[in-house]
Amino acid sequence: MSEKREKVRIKTWKPVAQWSWDMKDEHICQICNAEFEVAAPGVKYPGDDSPIVLGICGHAFHIQCIEKWVHQPTSNGTCPV
């Protein structure tokens, strides 16, 4: 006797993913104080749209935050911390 197998039809599919930054001590941007798992202010999605950069000082920032800081006349190219 042969077995009958029922067919399954997938109607919708909703993928789910989780990610995190691999940084040891710093979990927040030193300028906007938002966690790195959250996008920088004015950016819709974290990740490639809001990369993390490390300054020469060793502090971590969203790239949008440090670019805004560096272009202020009062920054003098120094670390905001």
N, C-alpha and C. Protein backbone atom coordinates (compact mmCIF):
# COMPACT_ATOMS: atom_id res chain seq x y z
N MET A 1 0.83 -1.19 0.00
CA MET A 1 0.00 0.00 0.00
C MET A 1 0.87 1.25 0.00
N SER A 2 0.49 2.16 -0.79
CA SER A 2 1.24 3.41 -0.83
C SER A 2 0.62 4.42 0.14
N GLU A 3 1.51 5.23 0.74
CA GLU A 3 1.04 6.25 1.69
C GLU A 3 0.65 7.50 0.93
N LYS A 4 -0.43 8.11 1.35
CA LYS A 4 -0.85 9.38 0.76
C LYS A 4 -0.31 10.51 1.62
N ARG A 5 0.34 11.46 1.00
CA ARG A 5 0.85 12.63 1.72
C ARG A 5 0.02 13.84 1.35
N GLU A 6 -0.35 14.57 2.37
CA GLU A 6 -1.10 15.80 2.11
C GLU A 6 -0.13 16.90 1.73
N LYS A 7 -0.55 17.74 0.82
CA LYS A 7 0.28 18.86 0.40
C LYS A 7 0.02 20.04 1.33
N VAL A 8 1.07 20.79 1.55
CA VAL A 8 0.98 21.99 2.38
C VAL A 8 1.23 23.19 1.48
N ARG A 9 0.39 24.18 1.58
CA ARG A 9 0.56 25.40 0.80
C ARG A 9 0.85 26.54 1.78
N ILE A 10 1.95 27.24 1.57
CA ILE A 10 2.31 28.37 2.41
C ILE A 10 1.64 29.61 1.82
N LYS A 11 0.79 30.24 2.63
CA LYS A 11 0.05 31.42 2.15
C LYS A 11 0.83 32.70 2.37
N THR A 12 1.46 32.82 3.52
CA THR A 12 2.28 34.00 3.81
C THR A 12 3.53 33.55 4.54
N TRP A 13 4.54 34.41 4.47
CA TRP A 13 5.80 34.10 5.12
C TRP A 13 6.35 35.40 5.70
N LYS A 14 6.68 35.40 6.98
CA LYS A 14 7.20 36.59 7.64
C LYS A 14 8.51 36.23 8.33
N PRO A 15 9.64 36.51 7.68
CA PRO A 15 10.94 36.17 8.29
C PRO A 15 11.24 37.09 9.48
N VAL A 16 11.95 36.55 10.43
CA VAL A 16 12.34 37.29 11.63
C VAL A 16 13.84 37.10 11.82
N ALA A 17 14.53 38.17 12.21
CA ALA A 17 15.97 38.08 12.43
C ALA A 17 16.33 38.90 13.66
N GLN A 18 17.46 38.59 14.22
CA GLN A 18 17.97 39.35 15.36
C GLN A 18 19.45 39.59 15.12
N TRP A 19 19.95 40.76 15.49
CA TRP A 19 21.35 41.07 15.33
C TRP A 19 21.79 41.94 16.48
N SER A 20 23.08 42.06 16.66
CA SER A 20 23.62 42.95 17.69
C SER A 20 25.03 43.35 17.29
N TRP A 21 25.50 44.45 17.84
CA TRP A 21 26.86 44.91 17.57
C TRP A 21 27.81 44.14 18.46
N ASP A 22 29.00 43.87 17.98
CA ASP A 22 30.00 43.15 18.75
C ASP A 22 30.98 44.15 19.36
N MET A 23 30.49 44.90 20.33
CA MET A 23 31.32 45.89 21.02
C MET A 23 31.30 45.56 22.49
N LYS A 24 32.46 45.61 23.12
CA LYS A 24 32.57 45.13 24.49
C LYS A 24 32.02 46.11 25.52
N ASP A 25 32.57 47.30 25.63
CA ASP A 25 32.23 48.17 26.74
C ASP A 25 31.23 49.27 26.41
N GLU A 26 31.17 49.68 25.17
CA GLU A 26 30.31 50.80 24.82
C GLU A 26 29.09 50.31 24.06
N HIS A 27 27.92 50.63 24.57
CA HIS A 27 26.67 50.19 23.95
C HIS A 27 25.83 51.36 23.46
N ILE A 28 26.30 52.59 23.73
CA ILE A 28 25.54 53.77 23.33
C ILE A 28 26.43 54.75 22.59
N CYS A 29 25.81 55.53 21.72
CA CYS A 29 26.51 56.61 21.03
C CYS A 29 26.81 57.69 22.06
N GLN A 30 28.02 58.16 22.10
CA GLN A 30 28.42 59.16 23.09
C GLN A 30 27.86 60.55 22.80
N ILE A 31 27.23 60.73 21.64
CA ILE A 31 26.65 62.03 21.31
C ILE A 31 25.15 62.04 21.54
N CYS A 32 24.43 61.10 20.93
CA CYS A 32 22.95 61.11 21.04
C CYS A 32 22.45 60.24 22.19
N ASN A 33 23.33 59.46 22.81
CA ASN A 33 22.99 58.58 23.93
C ASN A 33 21.98 57.50 23.57
N ALA A 34 21.85 57.18 22.29
CA ALA A 34 20.97 56.08 21.85
C ALA A 34 21.81 54.81 21.76
N GLU A 35 21.20 53.68 22.08
CA GLU A 35 21.90 52.42 21.95
C GLU A 35 22.22 52.16 20.48
N PHE A 36 23.30 51.45 20.22
CA PHE A 36 23.69 51.18 18.84
C PHE A 36 22.73 50.25 18.14
N GLU A 37 21.93 49.51 18.87
CA GLU A 37 20.93 48.65 18.23
C GLU A 37 19.74 49.46 17.74
N VAL A 38 19.75 50.76 18.05
CA VAL A 38 18.72 51.69 17.60
C VAL A 38 19.38 52.63 16.59
N ALA A 39 18.66 53.06 15.61
CA ALA A 39 19.22 53.96 14.60
C ALA A 39 19.50 55.34 15.20
N ALA A 40 20.41 56.04 14.58
CA ALA A 40 20.72 57.41 14.98
C ALA A 40 19.50 58.30 14.73
N PRO A 41 19.40 59.43 15.43
CA PRO A 41 18.29 60.34 15.19
C PRO A 41 18.22 60.75 13.72
N GLY A 42 17.03 60.67 13.15
CA GLY A 42 16.83 61.04 11.76
C GLY A 42 17.07 59.90 10.78
N VAL A 43 17.47 58.73 11.28
CA VAL A 43 17.71 57.56 10.42
C VAL A 43 16.63 56.54 10.74
N LYS A 44 16.04 55.98 9.69
CA LYS A 44 14.91 55.08 9.88
C LYS A 44 15.30 53.71 10.42
N TYR A 45 16.40 53.14 9.90
CA TYR A 45 16.77 51.78 10.28
C TYR A 45 18.21 51.73 10.78
N PRO A 46 18.49 50.96 11.82
CA PRO A 46 19.88 50.77 12.25
C PRO A 46 20.63 49.85 11.29
N GLY A 47 21.90 49.71 11.49
CA GLY A 47 22.69 48.82 10.64
C GLY A 47 23.44 49.58 9.59
N ASP A 48 23.29 49.17 8.34
CA ASP A 48 24.04 49.80 7.24
C ASP A 48 23.69 51.27 7.07
N ASP A 49 22.46 51.68 7.42
CA ASP A 49 22.06 53.08 7.30
C ASP A 49 22.62 53.93 8.43
N SER A 50 23.09 53.29 9.49
CA SER A 50 23.58 54.02 10.65
C SER A 50 24.79 53.31 11.25
N PRO A 51 25.92 53.27 10.51
CA PRO A 51 27.08 52.52 11.00
C PRO A 51 27.73 53.18 12.21
N ILE A 52 28.46 52.37 12.94
CA ILE A 52 29.20 52.85 14.11
C ILE A 52 30.63 53.12 13.68
N VAL A 53 31.18 54.22 14.15
CA VAL A 53 32.57 54.55 13.87
C VAL A 53 33.29 54.77 15.20
N LEU A 54 34.56 54.45 15.21
CA LEU A 54 35.39 54.70 16.40
C LEU A 54 36.32 55.85 16.10
N GLY A 55 36.36 56.80 17.03
CA GLY A 55 37.27 57.92 16.88
C GLY A 55 38.67 57.52 17.30
N ILE A 56 39.63 58.39 17.02
CA ILE A 56 41.01 58.16 17.46
C ILE A 56 41.06 58.04 18.98
N CYS A 57 40.12 58.72 19.63
CA CYS A 57 40.03 58.71 21.09
C CYS A 57 39.55 57.37 21.63
N GLY A 58 38.96 56.54 20.76
CA GLY A 58 38.45 55.24 21.19
C GLY A 58 36.97 55.23 21.52
N HIS A 59 36.31 56.39 21.46
CA HIS A 59 34.88 56.45 21.72
C HIS A 59 34.10 56.06 20.46
N ALA A 60 32.92 55.49 20.66
CA ALA A 60 32.09 55.03 19.54
C ALA A 60 30.93 55.99 19.31
N PHE A 61 30.60 56.19 18.02
CA PHE A 61 29.54 57.12 17.63
C PHE A 61 28.79 56.55 16.43
N HIS A 62 27.52 56.97 16.27
CA HIS A 62 26.85 56.77 14.98
C HIS A 62 27.57 57.71 14.01
N ILE A 63 27.74 57.30 12.78
CA ILE A 63 28.45 58.15 11.82
C ILE A 63 27.72 59.48 11.60
N GLN A 64 26.39 59.46 11.61
CA GLN A 64 25.63 60.69 11.43
C GLN A 64 25.88 61.67 12.58
N CYS A 65 25.99 61.15 13.79
CA CYS A 65 26.19 62.01 14.96
C CYS A 65 27.57 62.66 14.94
N ILE A 66 28.62 61.88 14.66
CA ILE A 66 29.97 62.45 14.68
C ILE A 66 30.19 63.40 13.51
N GLU A 67 29.58 63.11 12.35
CA GLU A 67 29.71 64.03 11.22
C GLU A 67 29.07 65.37 11.55
N LYS A 68 27.91 65.33 12.19
CA LYS A 68 27.24 66.57 12.59
C LYS A 68 28.10 67.33 13.60
N TRP A 69 28.70 66.61 14.54
CA TRP A 69 29.55 67.23 15.56
C TRP A 69 30.79 67.88 14.94
N VAL A 70 31.46 67.18 14.06
CA VAL A 70 32.70 67.67 13.47
C VAL A 70 32.47 68.92 12.64
N HIS A 71 31.30 69.03 12.02
CA HIS A 71 31.03 70.19 11.17
C HIS A 71 30.54 71.42 11.95
N GLN A 72 30.42 71.29 13.27
CA GLN A 72 30.07 72.48 14.07
C GLN A 72 31.33 73.32 14.25
N PRO A 73 31.20 74.65 14.16
CA PRO A 73 32.39 75.51 14.30
C PRO A 73 33.06 75.39 15.67
N THR A 74 32.32 75.03 16.68
CA THR A 74 32.88 74.96 18.04
C THR A 74 33.56 73.63 18.35
N SER A 75 33.47 72.66 17.45
CA SER A 75 34.05 71.33 17.75
C SER A 75 35.57 71.33 17.75
N ASN A 76 36.19 72.16 16.91
CA ASN A 76 37.65 72.23 16.78
C ASN A 76 38.26 70.86 16.51
N GLY A 77 37.48 69.94 15.93
CA GLY A 77 38.02 68.61 15.62
C GLY A 77 38.31 67.76 16.83
N THR A 78 37.73 68.10 17.96
CA THR A 78 37.99 67.34 19.19
C THR A 78 36.87 66.35 19.48
N CYS A 79 37.15 65.43 20.36
CA CYS A 79 36.17 64.43 20.78
C CYS A 79 35.07 65.13 21.59
N PRO A 80 33.81 64.82 21.33
CA PRO A 80 32.72 65.45 22.08
C PRO A 80 32.64 65.00 23.54
N VAL A 81 33.31 63.91 23.86
CA VAL A 81 33.29 63.43 25.23
C VAL A 81 34.33 64.18 26.04
